[in-house]
Amino acid sequence: MNDLNQYFGADLSVSATGDLMPVDGDGRGQQRVLRRLLTNPGDYLFHPSYGAGVRRRVGDTLDLPKLRALIRGQILLEEAVAKTPEPQITLTPTPKGVTCAIRYADAVSKAPVILNFNVSR
């Protein structure tokens, strides 16, 4: 199944002919994981419990184990993420936030997927 290609915080992607571009496979899973992690709970009117709100955690006293547990719990809710092997989550504090490096297996292909992103104030 395809989704529309939209990286979190950006516009929908369009092709050279002006059509909306689909995304599938690893890209689809990465976009869904990133959207779930960066969406604040309550932002989606019809899905009030959707989202981890990772950006809300930046600026608080950084509790890396708690943030790692939040991320792990949320990404395991995505159908694109295999439950085994357990996702590996590395969090590195930066002067203005945190760098997240997540490695998980795609649920369908079992191929390793790496997702890196920064969260800042």
PDB file of N, CA and C in Angstrom:
ATOM      1  N   MET A   1       0.830  -1.173   0.000  1.00  0.00           N
ATOM      2  CA  MET A   1       0.000   0.000   0.000  1.00  0.00           C
ATOM      3  C   MET A   1       0.878   1.239   0.000  1.00  0.00           C
ATOM      4  N   ASN A   2       0.442   2.278  -0.687  1.00  0.00           N
ATOM      5  CA  ASN A   2       1.183   3.527  -0.759  1.00  0.00           C
ATOM      6  C   ASN A   2       0.534   4.602   0.102  1.00  0.00           C
ATOM      7  N   ASP A   3       1.343   5.533   0.554  1.00  0.00           N
ATOM      8  CA  ASP A   3       0.888   6.772   1.166  1.00  0.00           C
ATOM      9  C   ASP A   3       1.332   7.893   0.245  1.00  0.00           C
ATOM     10  N   LEU A   4       0.823   9.094   0.476  1.00  0.00           N
ATOM     11  CA  LEU A   4       1.353  10.240  -0.239  1.00  0.00           C
ATOM     12  C   LEU A   4       2.696  10.598   0.382  1.00  0.00           C
ATOM     13  N   ASN A   5       3.639  10.984  -0.473  1.00  0.00           N
ATOM     14  CA  ASN A   5       4.989  11.293  -0.022  1.00  0.00           C
ATOM     15  C   ASN A   5       5.004  12.673   0.619  1.00  0.00           C
ATOM     16  N   GLN A   6       5.130  12.695   1.946  1.00  0.00           N
ATOM     17  CA  GLN A   6       5.203  13.954   2.677  1.00  0.00           C
ATOM     18  C   GLN A   6       6.105  13.760   3.872  1.00  0.00           C
ATOM     19  N   TYR A   7       7.266  14.353   3.819  1.00  0.00           N
ATOM     20  CA  TYR A   7       8.170  14.325   4.950  1.00  0.00           C
ATOM     21  C   TYR A   7       7.609  15.251   6.012  1.00  0.00           C
ATOM     22  N   PHE A   8       7.664  14.865   7.266  1.00  0.00           N
ATOM     23  CA  PHE A   8       7.043  15.625   8.351  1.00  0.00           C
ATOM     24  C   PHE A   8       7.485  17.088   8.304  1.00  0.00           C
ATOM     25  N   GLY A   9       6.516  17.978   8.328  1.00  0.00           N
ATOM     26  CA  GLY A   9       6.795  19.409   8.342  1.00  0.00           C
ATOM     27  C   GLY A   9       6.977  20.024   6.968  1.00  0.00           C
ATOM     28  N   ALA A  10       6.887  19.222   5.921  1.00  0.00           N
ATOM     29  CA  ALA A  10       7.073  19.724   4.558  1.00  0.00           C
ATOM     30  C   ALA A  10       5.775  19.557   3.774  1.00  0.00           C
ATOM     31  N   ASP A  11       5.765  20.111   2.576  1.00  0.00           N
ATOM     32  CA  ASP A  11       4.605  19.966   1.700  1.00  0.00           C
ATOM     33  C   ASP A  11       4.597  18.579   1.071  1.00  0.00           C
ATOM     34  N   LEU A  12       3.471  18.211   0.498  1.00  0.00           N
ATOM     35  CA  LEU A  12       3.387  16.976  -0.275  1.00  0.00           C
ATOM     36  C   LEU A  12       4.364  17.055  -1.435  1.00  0.00           C
ATOM     37  N   SER A  13       4.976  15.952  -1.795  1.00  0.00           N
ATOM     38  CA  SER A  13       5.906  15.912  -2.919  1.00  0.00           C
ATOM     39  C   SER A  13       5.138  15.720  -4.211  1.00  0.00           C
ATOM     40  N   VAL A  14       5.579  16.422  -5.253  1.00  0.00           N
ATOM     41  CA  VAL A  14       4.948  16.290  -6.559  1.00  0.00           C
ATOM     42  C   VAL A  14       5.989  15.847  -7.581  1.00  0.00           C
ATOM     43  N   SER A  15       5.504  15.150  -8.606  1.00  0.00           N
ATOM     44  CA  SER A  15       6.376  14.673  -9.668  1.00  0.00           C
ATOM     45  C   SER A  15       6.609  15.799 -10.670  1.00  0.00           C
ATOM     46  N   ALA A  16       7.453  15.539 -11.667  1.00  0.00           N
ATOM     47  CA  ALA A  16       7.733  16.522 -12.713  1.00  0.00           C
ATOM     48  C   ALA A  16       6.479  16.869 -13.508  1.00  0.00           C
ATOM     49  N   THR A  17       5.508  15.959 -13.531  1.00  0.00           N
ATOM     50  CA  THR A  17       4.264  16.221 -14.267  1.00  0.00           C
ATOM     51  C   THR A  17       3.193  16.854 -13.385  1.00  0.00           C
ATOM     52  N   GLY A  18       3.503  17.090 -12.118  1.00  0.00           N
ATOM     53  CA  GLY A  18       2.560  17.733 -11.214  1.00  0.00           C
ATOM     54  C   GLY A  18       1.687  16.792 -10.420  1.00  0.00           C
ATOM     55  N   ASP A  19       1.869  15.495 -10.605  1.00  0.00           N
ATOM     56  CA  ASP A  19       1.089  14.519  -9.847  1.00  0.00           C
ATOM     57  C   ASP A  19       1.637  14.406  -8.427  1.00  0.00           C
ATOM     58  N   LEU A  20       0.769  14.063  -7.491  1.00  0.00           N
ATOM     59  CA  LEU A  20       1.230  13.796  -6.137  1.00  0.00           C
ATOM     60  C   LEU A  20       2.022  12.495  -6.139  1.00  0.00           C
ATOM     61  N   MET A  21       3.181  12.510  -5.488  1.00  0.00           N
ATOM     62  CA  MET A  21       4.049  11.335  -5.487  1.00  0.00           C
ATOM     63  C   MET A  21       3.687  10.398  -4.343  1.00  0.00           C
ATOM     64  N   PRO A  22       3.602   9.117  -4.632  1.00  0.00           N
ATOM     65  CA  PRO A  22       3.377   8.139  -3.562  1.00  0.00           C
ATOM     66  C   PRO A  22       4.703   7.735  -2.923  1.00  0.00           C
ATOM     67  N   VAL A  23       4.603   7.100  -1.774  1.00  0.00           N
ATOM     68  CA  VAL A  23       5.774   6.536  -1.116  1.00  0.00           C
ATOM     69  C   VAL A  23       5.351   5.176  -0.570  1.00  0.00           C
ATOM     70  N   ASP A  24       6.257   4.210  -0.664  1.00  0.00           N
ATOM     71  CA  ASP A  24       5.969   2.893  -0.112  1.00  0.00           C
ATOM     72  C   ASP A  24       7.247   2.324   0.473  1.00  0.00           C
ATOM     73  N   GLY A  25       7.193   1.108   0.935  1.00  0.00           N
ATOM     74  CA  GLY A  25       8.373   0.424   1.470  1.00  0.00           C
ATOM     75  C   GLY A  25       8.975   1.132   2.672  1.00  0.00           C
ATOM     76  N   ASP A  26      10.317   1.150   2.722  1.00  0.00           N
ATOM     77  CA  ASP A  26      11.025   1.746   3.850  1.00  0.00           C
ATOM     78  C   ASP A  26      10.694   3.223   4.026  1.00  0.00           C
ATOM     79  N   GLY A  27      10.573   3.947   2.919  1.00  0.00           N
ATOM     80  CA  GLY A  27      10.265   5.376   2.995  1.00  0.00           C
ATOM     81  C   GLY A  27       8.931   5.627   3.672  1.00  0.00           C
ATOM     82  N   ARG A  28       7.951   4.807   3.352  1.00  0.00           N
ATOM     83  CA  ARG A  28       6.622   4.930   3.962  1.00  0.00           C
ATOM     84  C   ARG A  28       6.720   4.699   5.471  1.00  0.00           C
ATOM     85  N   GLY A  29       7.434   3.656   5.849  1.00  0.00           N
ATOM     86  CA  GLY A  29       7.591   3.362   7.269  1.00  0.00           C
ATOM     87  C   GLY A  29       8.325   4.467   8.009  1.00  0.00           C
ATOM     88  N   GLN A  30       9.390   4.996   7.411  1.00  0.00           N
ATOM     89  CA  GLN A  30      10.146   6.070   8.045  1.00  0.00           C
ATOM     90  C   GLN A  30       9.279   7.309   8.239  1.00  0.00           C
ATOM     91  N   GLN A  31       8.505   7.661   7.219  1.00  0.00           N
ATOM     92  CA  GLN A  31       7.640   8.832   7.340  1.00  0.00           C
ATOM     93  C   GLN A  31       6.594   8.633   8.432  1.00  0.00           C
ATOM     94  N   ARG A  32       6.043   7.432   8.519  1.00  0.00           N
ATOM     95  CA  ARG A  32       5.032   7.163   9.542  1.00  0.00           C
ATOM     96  C   ARG A  32       5.627   7.192  10.946  1.00  0.00           C
ATOM     97  N   VAL A  33       6.822   6.630  11.116  1.00  0.00           N
ATOM     98  CA  VAL A  33       7.473   6.645  12.426  1.00  0.00           C
ATOM     99  C   VAL A  33       7.787   8.083  12.836  1.00  0.00           C
ATOM    100  N   LEU A  34       8.377   8.845  11.924  1.00  0.00           N
ATOM    101  CA  LEU A  34       8.728  10.227  12.228  1.00  0.00           C
ATOM    102  C   LEU A  34       7.485  11.049  12.554  1.00  0.00           C
ATOM    103  N   ARG A  35       6.428  10.880  11.780  1.00  0.00           N
ATOM    104  CA  ARG A  35       5.183  11.617  12.038  1.00  0.00           C
ATOM    105  C   ARG A  35       4.626  11.268  13.422  1.00  0.00           C
ATOM    106  N   ARG A  36       4.651  10.001  13.768  1.00  0.00           N
ATOM    107  CA  ARG A  36       4.138   9.583  15.081  1.00  0.00           C
ATOM    108  C   ARG A  36       4.974  10.196  16.202  1.00  0.00           C
ATOM    109  N   LEU A  37       6.286  10.183  16.064  1.00  0.00           N
ATOM    110  CA  LEU A  37       7.146  10.687  17.131  1.00  0.00           C
ATOM    111  C   LEU A  37       7.045  12.198  17.311  1.00  0.00           C
ATOM    112  N   LEU A  38       6.889  12.930  16.216  1.00  0.00           N
ATOM    113  CA  LEU A  38       6.897  14.386  16.301  1.00  0.00           C
ATOM    114  C   LEU A  38       5.513  15.004  16.469  1.00  0.00           C
ATOM    115  N   THR A  39       4.463  14.229  16.304  1.00  0.00           N
ATOM    116  CA  THR A  39       3.104  14.741  16.503  1.00  0.00           C
ATOM    117  C   THR A  39       2.779  14.755  17.990  1.00  0.00           C
ATOM    118  N   ASN A  40       2.205  15.854  18.443  1.00  0.00           N
ATOM    119  CA  ASN A  40       1.799  15.957  19.847  1.00  0.00           C
ATOM    120  C   ASN A  40       0.466  15.254  20.058  1.00  0.00           C
ATOM    121  N   PRO A  41       0.328  14.507  21.160  1.00  0.00           N
ATOM    122  CA  PRO A  41      -0.977  13.913  21.455  1.00  0.00           C
ATOM    123  C   PRO A  41      -2.039  15.016  21.503  1.00  0.00           C
ATOM    124  N   GLY A  42      -3.171  14.737  20.878  1.00  0.00           N
ATOM    125  CA  GLY A  42      -4.251  15.713  20.831  1.00  0.00           C
ATOM    126  C   GLY A  42      -4.265  16.575  19.578  1.00  0.00           C
ATOM    127  N   ASP A  43      -3.182  16.541  18.785  1.00  0.00           N
ATOM    128  CA  ASP A  43      -3.133  17.357  17.562  1.00  0.00           C
ATOM    129  C   ASP A  43      -4.072  16.840  16.477  1.00  0.00           C
ATOM    130  N   TYR A  44      -4.340  15.540  16.452  1.00  0.00           N
ATOM    131  CA  TYR A  44      -5.263  14.976  15.466  1.00  0.00           C
ATOM    132  C   TYR A  44      -6.629  14.850  16.126  1.00  0.00           C
ATOM    133  N   LEU A  45      -7.578  15.616  15.656  1.00  0.00           N
ATOM    134  CA  LEU A  45      -8.896  15.717  16.256  1.00  0.00           C
ATOM    135  C   LEU A  45      -9.575  14.365  16.459  1.00  0.00           C
ATOM    136  N   PHE A  46      -9.504  13.495  15.462  1.00  0.00           N
ATOM    137  CA  PHE A  46     -10.200  12.211  15.548  1.00  0.00           C
ATOM    138  C   PHE A  46      -9.333  11.083  16.105  1.00  0.00           C
ATOM    139  N   HIS A  47      -8.089  11.387  16.434  1.00  0.00           N
ATOM    140  CA  HIS A  47      -7.185  10.411  17.046  1.00  0.00           C
ATOM    141  C   HIS A  47      -6.421  11.107  18.177  1.00  0.00           C
ATOM    142  N   PRO A  48      -7.089  11.464  19.261  1.00  0.00           N
ATOM    143  CA  PRO A  48      -6.468  12.281  20.300  1.00  0.00           C
ATOM    144  C   PRO A  48      -5.289  11.629  21.020  1.00  0.00           C
ATOM    145  N   SER A  49      -5.175  10.317  20.981  1.00  0.00           N
ATOM    146  CA  SER A  49      -4.056   9.668  21.672  1.00  0.00           C
ATOM    147  C   SER A  49      -2.869   9.390  20.742  1.00  0.00           C
ATOM    148  N   TYR A  50      -2.994   9.752  19.451  1.00  0.00           N
ATOM    149  CA  TYR A  50      -1.922   9.503  18.488  1.00  0.00           C
ATOM    150  C   TYR A  50      -0.769  10.476  18.736  1.00  0.00           C
ATOM    151  N   GLY A  51       0.435   9.973  18.713  1.00  0.00           N
ATOM    152  CA  GLY A  51       1.627  10.813  18.772  1.00  0.00           C
ATOM    153  C   GLY A  51       2.378  10.698  20.083  1.00  0.00           C
ATOM    154  N   ALA A  52       3.691  10.944  19.973  1.00  0.00           N
ATOM    155  CA  ALA A  52       4.563  10.866  21.137  1.00  0.00           C
ATOM    156  C   ALA A  52       4.888  12.241  21.719  1.00  0.00           C
ATOM    157  N   GLY A  53       4.841  13.278  20.893  1.00  0.00           N
ATOM    158  CA  GLY A  53       5.156  14.618  21.380  1.00  0.00           C
ATOM    159  C   GLY A  53       6.600  14.775  21.794  1.00  0.00           C
ATOM    160  N   VAL A  54       7.526  14.160  21.042  1.00  0.00           N
ATOM    161  CA  VAL A  54       8.949  14.222  21.402  1.00  0.00           C
ATOM    162  C   VAL A  54       9.438  15.670  21.466  1.00  0.00           C
ATOM    163  N   ARG A  55       8.931  16.518  20.574  1.00  0.00           N
ATOM    164  CA  ARG A  55       9.385  17.918  20.587  1.00  0.00           C
ATOM    165  C   ARG A  55       9.016  18.633  21.881  1.00  0.00           C
ATOM    166  N   ARG A  56       7.932  18.216  22.523  1.00  0.00           N
ATOM    167  CA  ARG A  56       7.541  18.828  23.795  1.00  0.00           C
ATOM    168  C   ARG A  56       8.534  18.517  24.899  1.00  0.00           C
ATOM    169  N   ARG A  57       9.284  17.449  24.754  1.00  0.00           N
ATOM    170  CA  ARG A  57      10.234  17.030  25.794  1.00  0.00           C
ATOM    171  C   ARG A  57      11.506  17.868  25.776  1.00  0.00           C
ATOM    172  N   VAL A  58      11.807  18.484  24.634  1.00  0.00           N
ATOM    173  CA  VAL A  58      13.018  19.290  24.525  1.00  0.00           C
ATOM    174  C   VAL A  58      12.787  20.589  25.286  1.00  0.00           C
ATOM    175  N   GLY A  59      13.732  20.939  26.117  1.00  0.00           N
ATOM    176  CA  GLY A  59      13.593  22.111  26.965  1.00  0.00           C
ATOM    177  C   GLY A  59      13.317  21.716  28.404  1.00  0.00           C
ATOM    178  N   ASP A  60      12.753  20.526  28.608  1.00  0.00           N
ATOM    179  CA  ASP A  60      12.584  19.986  29.955  1.00  0.00           C
ATOM    180  C   ASP A  60      13.933  19.422  30.410  1.00  0.00           C
ATOM    181  N   THR A  61      14.003  19.045  31.657  1.00  0.00           N
ATOM    182  CA  THR A  61      15.174  18.316  32.108  1.00  0.00           C
ATOM    183  C   THR A  61      15.209  17.018  31.314  1.00  0.00           C
ATOM    184  N   LEU A  62      16.308  16.794  30.624  1.00  0.00           N
ATOM    185  CA  LEU A  62      16.398  15.660  29.706  1.00  0.00           C
ATOM    186  C   LEU A  62      16.570  14.353  30.463  1.00  0.00           C
ATOM    187  N   ASP A  63      15.564  13.504  30.386  1.00  0.00           N
ATOM    188  CA  ASP A  63      15.579  12.183  30.997  1.00  0.00           C
ATOM    189  C   ASP A  63      15.681  11.173  29.848  1.00  0.00           C
ATOM    190  N   LEU A  64      16.913  10.819  29.472  1.00  0.00           N
ATOM    191  CA  LEU A  64      17.134   9.966  28.306  1.00  0.00           C
ATOM    192  C   LEU A  64      16.442   8.609  28.411  1.00  0.00           C
ATOM    193  N   PRO A  65      16.499   7.901  29.548  1.00  0.00           N
ATOM    194  CA  PRO A  65      15.788   6.616  29.614  1.00  0.00           C
ATOM    195  C   PRO A  65      14.277   6.767  29.408  1.00  0.00           C
ATOM    196  N   LYS A  66      13.689   7.803  29.969  1.00  0.00           N
ATOM    197  CA  LYS A  66      12.249   8.030  29.804  1.00  0.00           C
ATOM    198  C   LYS A  66      11.904   8.369  28.353  1.00  0.00           C
ATOM    199  N   LEU A  67      12.721   9.208  27.720  1.00  0.00           N
ATOM    200  CA  LEU A  67      12.498   9.567  26.322  1.00  0.00           C
ATOM    201  C   LEU A  67      12.677   8.349  25.416  1.00  0.00           C
ATOM    202  N   ARG A  68      13.702   7.537  25.685  1.00  0.00           N
ATOM    203  CA  ARG A  68      13.932   6.315  24.910  1.00  0.00           C
ATOM    204  C   ARG A  68      12.746   5.357  25.033  1.00  0.00           C
ATOM    205  N   ALA A  69      12.205   5.217  26.229  1.00  0.00           N
ATOM    206  CA  ALA A  69      11.048   4.343  26.452  1.00  0.00           C
ATOM    207  C   ALA A  69       9.818   4.871  25.717  1.00  0.00           C
ATOM    208  N   LEU A  70       9.624   6.178  25.725  1.00  0.00           N
ATOM    209  CA  LEU A  70       8.506   6.782  25.000  1.00  0.00           C
ATOM    210  C   LEU A  70       8.629   6.500  23.509  1.00  0.00           C
ATOM    211  N   ILE A  71       9.823   6.705  22.959  1.00  0.00           N
ATOM    212  CA  ILE A  71      10.045   6.468  21.531  1.00  0.00           C
ATOM    213  C   ILE A  71       9.820   4.994  21.195  1.00  0.00           C
ATOM    214  N   ARG A  72      10.390   4.106  21.979  1.00  0.00           N
ATOM    215  CA  ARG A  72      10.243   2.666  21.724  1.00  0.00           C
ATOM    216  C   ARG A  72       8.764   2.263  21.739  1.00  0.00           C
ATOM    217  N   GLY A  73       8.043   2.692  22.741  1.00  0.00           N
ATOM    218  CA  GLY A  73       6.631   2.342  22.831  1.00  0.00           C
ATOM    219  C   GLY A  73       5.814   2.854  21.658  1.00  0.00           C
ATOM    220  N   GLN A  74       6.118   4.057  21.201  1.00  0.00           N
ATOM    221  CA  GLN A  74       5.371   4.642  20.093  1.00  0.00           C
ATOM    222  C   GLN A  74       5.714   3.993  18.750  1.00  0.00           C
ATOM    223  N   ILE A  75       6.992   3.744  18.495  1.00  0.00           N
ATOM    224  CA  ILE A  75       7.317   3.173  17.182  1.00  0.00           C
ATOM    225  C   ILE A  75       6.826   1.740  17.052  1.00  0.00           C
ATOM    226  N   LEU A  76       6.721   1.041  18.165  1.00  0.00           N
ATOM    227  CA  LEU A  76       6.208  -0.329  18.097  1.00  0.00           C
ATOM    228  C   LEU A  76       4.709  -0.363  17.789  1.00  0.00           C
ATOM    229  N   LEU A  77       4.039   0.772  17.851  1.00  0.00           N
ATOM    230  CA  LEU A  77       2.634   0.859  17.464  1.00  0.00           C
ATOM    231  C   LEU A  77       2.468   0.936  15.943  1.00  0.00           C
ATOM    232  N   GLU A  78       3.546   1.226  15.228  1.00  0.00           N
ATOM    233  CA  GLU A  78       3.494   1.327  13.769  1.00  0.00           C
ATOM    234  C   GLU A  78       3.618  -0.057  13.138  1.00  0.00           C
ATOM    235  N   GLU A  79       2.745  -0.349  12.194  1.00  0.00           N
ATOM    236  CA  GLU A  79       2.759  -1.660  11.528  1.00  0.00           C
ATOM    237  C   GLU A  79       4.018  -1.877  10.705  1.00  0.00           C
ATOM    238  N   ALA A  80       4.719  -0.820  10.330  1.00  0.00           N
ATOM    239  CA  ALA A  80       5.934  -0.946   9.521  1.00  0.00           C
ATOM    240  C   ALA A  80       7.134  -1.418  10.334  1.00  0.00           C
ATOM    241  N   VAL A  81       7.045  -1.358  11.649  1.00  0.00           N
ATOM    242  CA  VAL A  81       8.177  -1.698  12.517  1.00  0.00           C
ATOM    243  C   VAL A  81       8.007  -3.115  13.058  1.00  0.00           C
ATOM    244  N   ALA A  82       8.995  -3.965  12.770  1.00  0.00           N
ATOM    245  CA  ALA A  82       8.972  -5.342  13.293  1.00  0.00           C
ATOM    246  C   ALA A  82       9.200  -5.321  14.802  1.00  0.00           C
ATOM    247  N   LYS A  83       8.547  -6.213  15.487  1.00  0.00           N
ATOM    248  CA  LYS A  83       8.697  -6.300  16.952  1.00  0.00           C
ATOM    249  C   LYS A  83      10.033  -6.933  17.346  1.00  0.00           C
ATOM    250  N   THR A  84      10.520  -7.819  16.482  1.00  0.00           N
ATOM    251  CA  THR A  84      11.835  -8.428  16.709  1.00  0.00           C
ATOM    252  C   THR A  84      12.634  -8.324  15.419  1.00  0.00           C
ATOM    253  N   PRO A  85      13.881  -8.016  15.483  1.00  0.00           N
ATOM    254  CA  PRO A  85      14.623  -7.685  16.693  1.00  0.00           C
ATOM    255  C   PRO A  85      14.158  -6.348  17.274  1.00  0.00           C
ATOM    256  N   GLU A  86      14.392  -6.185  18.533  1.00  0.00           N
ATOM    257  CA  GLU A  86      14.005  -4.969  19.249  1.00  0.00           C
ATOM    258  C   GLU A  86      14.655  -3.743  18.592  1.00  0.00           C
ATOM    259  N   PRO A  87      13.894  -2.681  18.357  1.00  0.00           N
ATOM    260  CA  PRO A  87      14.486  -1.461  17.791  1.00  0.00           C
ATOM    261  C   PRO A  87      15.600  -0.922  18.687  1.00  0.00           C
ATOM    262  N   GLN A  88      16.624  -0.389  18.062  1.00  0.00           N
ATOM    263  CA  GLN A  88      17.740   0.217  18.790  1.00  0.00           C
ATOM    264  C   GLN A  88      17.592   1.731  18.690  1.00  0.00           C
ATOM    265  N   ILE A  89      17.594   2.394  19.827  1.00  0.00           N
ATOM    266  CA  ILE A  89      17.372   3.831  19.879  1.00  0.00           C
ATOM    267  C   ILE A  89      18.552   4.474  20.596  1.00  0.00           C
ATOM    268  N   THR A  90      19.232   5.367  19.890  1.00  0.00           N
ATOM    269  CA  THR A  90      20.358   6.094  20.464  1.00  0.00           C
ATOM    270  C   THR A  90      19.995   7.566  20.525  1.00  0.00           C
ATOM    271  N   LEU A  91      20.090   8.149  21.709  1.00  0.00           N
ATOM    272  CA  LEU A  91      19.789   9.558  21.908  1.00  0.00           C
ATOM    273  C   LEU A  91      21.059  10.271  22.342  1.00  0.00           C
ATOM    274  N   THR A  92      21.392  11.353  21.662  1.00  0.00           N
ATOM    275  CA  THR A  92      22.586  12.122  21.970  1.00  0.00           C
ATOM    276  C   THR A  92      22.185  13.561  22.251  1.00  0.00           C
ATOM    277  N   PRO A  93      22.404  14.027  23.482  1.00  0.00           N
ATOM    278  CA  PRO A  93      22.073  15.418  23.787  1.00  0.00           C
ATOM    279  C   PRO A  93      22.933  16.378  22.960  1.00  0.00           C
ATOM    280  N   THR A  94      22.338  17.475  22.540  1.00  0.00           N
ATOM    281  CA  THR A  94      23.029  18.545  21.840  1.00  0.00           C
ATOM    282  C   THR A  94      22.779  19.828  22.630  1.00  0.00           C
ATOM    283  N   PRO A  95      23.506  20.899  22.329  1.00  0.00           N
ATOM    284  CA  PRO A  95      23.282  22.139  23.082  1.00  0.00           C
ATOM    285  C   PRO A  95      21.837  22.652  23.024  1.00  0.00           C
ATOM    286  N   LYS A  96      21.128  22.378  21.942  1.00  0.00           N
ATOM    287  CA  LYS A  96      19.766  22.900  21.808  1.00  0.00           C
ATOM    288  C   LYS A  96      18.694  21.822  21.708  1.00  0.00           C
ATOM    289  N   GLY A  97      19.041  20.582  22.012  1.00  0.00           N
ATOM    290  CA  GLY A  97      18.037  19.524  21.900  1.00  0.00           C
ATOM    291  C   GLY A  97      18.635  18.142  22.012  1.00  0.00           C
ATOM    292  N   VAL A  98      18.229  17.287  21.079  1.00  0.00           N
ATOM    293  CA  VAL A  98      18.694  15.897  21.099  1.00  0.00           C
ATOM    294  C   VAL A  98      18.715  15.357  19.671  1.00  0.00           C
ATOM    295  N   THR A  99      19.694  14.520  19.381  1.00  0.00           N
ATOM    296  CA  THR A  99      19.769  13.808  18.114  1.00  0.00           C
ATOM    297  C   THR A  99      19.283  12.385  18.358  1.00  0.00           C
ATOM    298  N   CYS A 100      18.363  11.931  17.524  1.00  0.00           N
ATOM    299  CA  CYS A 100      17.800  10.590  17.644  1.00  0.00           C
ATOM    300  C   CYS A 100      18.276   9.728  16.481  1.00  0.00           C
ATOM    301  N   ALA A 101      18.788   8.561  16.783  1.00  0.00           N
ATOM    302  CA  ALA A 101      19.164   7.582  15.773  1.00  0.00           C
ATOM    303  C   ALA A 101      18.413   6.297  16.115  1.00  0.00           C
ATOM    304  N   ILE A 102      17.565   5.878  15.192  1.00  0.00           N
ATOM    305  CA  ILE A 102      16.728   4.707  15.427  1.00  0.00           C
ATOM    306  C   ILE A 102      17.018   3.680  14.351  1.00  0.00           C
ATOM    307  N   ARG A 103      17.248   2.461  14.773  1.00  0.00           N
ATOM    308  CA  ARG A 103      17.453   1.354  13.846  1.00  0.00           C
ATOM    309  C   ARG A 103      16.420   0.288  14.177  1.00  0.00           C
ATOM    310  N   TYR A 104      15.649  -0.084  13.155  1.00  0.00           N
ATOM    311  CA  TYR A 104      14.627  -1.108  13.344  1.00  0.00           C
ATOM    312  C   TYR A 104      14.551  -1.966  12.093  1.00  0.00           C
ATOM    313  N   ALA A 105      13.858  -3.084  12.194  1.00  0.00           N
ATOM    314  CA  ALA A 105      13.657  -3.958  11.043  1.00  0.00           C
ATOM    315  C   ALA A 105      12.285  -3.667  10.445  1.00  0.00           C
ATOM    316  N   ASP A 106      12.223  -3.611   9.115  1.00  0.00           N
ATOM    317  CA  ASP A 106      10.947  -3.439   8.437  1.00  0.00           C
ATOM    318  C   ASP A 106      10.107  -4.693   8.679  1.00  0.00           C
ATOM    319  N   ALA A 107       8.844  -4.495   9.006  1.00  0.00           N
ATOM    320  CA  ALA A 107       7.977  -5.619   9.358  1.00  0.00           C
ATOM    321  C   ALA A 107       7.729  -6.572   8.197  1.00  0.00           C
ATOM    322  N   VAL A 108       7.749  -6.066   6.969  1.00  0.00           N
ATOM    323  CA  VAL A 108       7.469  -6.911   5.804  1.00  0.00           C
ATOM    324  C   VAL A 108       8.747  -7.542   5.266  1.00  0.00           C
ATOM    325  N   SER A 109       9.735  -6.696   4.937  1.00  0.00           N
ATOM    326  CA  SER A 109      10.951  -7.190   4.287  1.00  0.00           C
ATOM    327  C   SER A 109      11.996  -7.709   5.275  1.00  0.00           C
ATOM    328  N   LYS A 110      11.861  -7.337   6.532  1.00  0.00           N
ATOM    329  CA  LYS A 110      12.831  -7.664   7.596  1.00  0.00           C
ATOM    330  C   LYS A 110      14.176  -6.961   7.381  1.00  0.00           C
ATOM    331  N   ALA A 111      14.252  -6.065   6.399  1.00  0.00           N
ATOM    332  CA  ALA A 111      15.479  -5.317   6.130  1.00  0.00           C
ATOM    333  C   ALA A 111      15.688  -4.272   7.221  1.00  0.00           C
ATOM    334  N   PRO A 112      16.959  -4.006   7.560  1.00  0.00           N
ATOM    335  CA  PRO A 112      17.213  -2.970   8.563  1.00  0.00           C
ATOM    336  C   PRO A 112      16.893  -1.582   7.998  1.00  0.00           C
ATOM    337  N   VAL A 113      16.313  -0.743   8.841  1.00  0.00           N
ATOM    338  CA  VAL A 113      15.973   0.630   8.468  1.00  0.00           C
ATOM    339  C   VAL A 113      16.610   1.549   9.500  1.00  0.00           C
ATOM    340  N   ILE A 114      17.227   2.622   9.020  1.00  0.00           N
ATOM    341  CA  ILE A 114      17.860   3.586   9.907  1.00  0.00           C
ATOM    342  C   ILE A 114      17.179   4.928   9.722  1.00  0.00           C
ATOM    343  N   LEU A 115      16.780   5.528  10.822  1.00  0.00           N
ATOM    344  CA  LEU A 115      16.119   6.825  10.811  1.00  0.00           C
ATOM    345  C   LEU A 115      16.870   7.732  11.777  1.00  0.00           C
ATOM    346  N   ASN A 116      17.373   8.852  11.262  1.00  0.00           N
ATOM    347  CA  ASN A 116      18.085   9.832  12.088  1.00  0.00           C
ATOM    348  C   ASN A 116      17.384  11.170  11.969  1.00  0.00           C
ATOM    349  N   PHE A 117      17.215  11.852  13.096  1.00  0.00           N
ATOM    350  CA  PHE A 117      16.641  13.186  13.074  1.00  0.00           C
ATOM    351  C   PHE A 117      17.033  13.938  14.329  1.00  0.00           C
ATOM    352  N   ASN A 118      16.958  15.258  14.242  1.00  0.00           N
ATOM    353  CA  ASN A 118      17.254  16.127  15.371  1.00  0.00           C
ATOM    354  C   ASN A 118      15.964  16.752  15.877  1.00  0.00           C
ATOM    355  N   VAL A 119      15.898  16.927  17.171  1.00  0.00           N
ATOM    356  CA  VAL A 119      14.794  17.645  17.791  1.00  0.00           C
ATOM    357  C   VAL A 119      15.421  18.775  18.586  1.00  0.00           C
ATOM    358  N   SER A 120      14.994  20.001  18.293  1.00  0.00           N
ATOM    359  CA  SER A 120      15.579  21.134  18.984  1.00  0.00           C
ATOM    360  C   SER A 120      14.510  22.089  19.472  1.00  0.00           C
ATOM    361  N   ARG A 121      14.922  22.992  20.326  1.00  0.00           N
ATOM    362  CA  ARG A 121      13.997  23.991  20.878  1.00  0.00           C
ATOM    363  C   ARG A 121      13.597  24.976  19.832  1.00  0.00           C
TER     364      ARG A 121
END
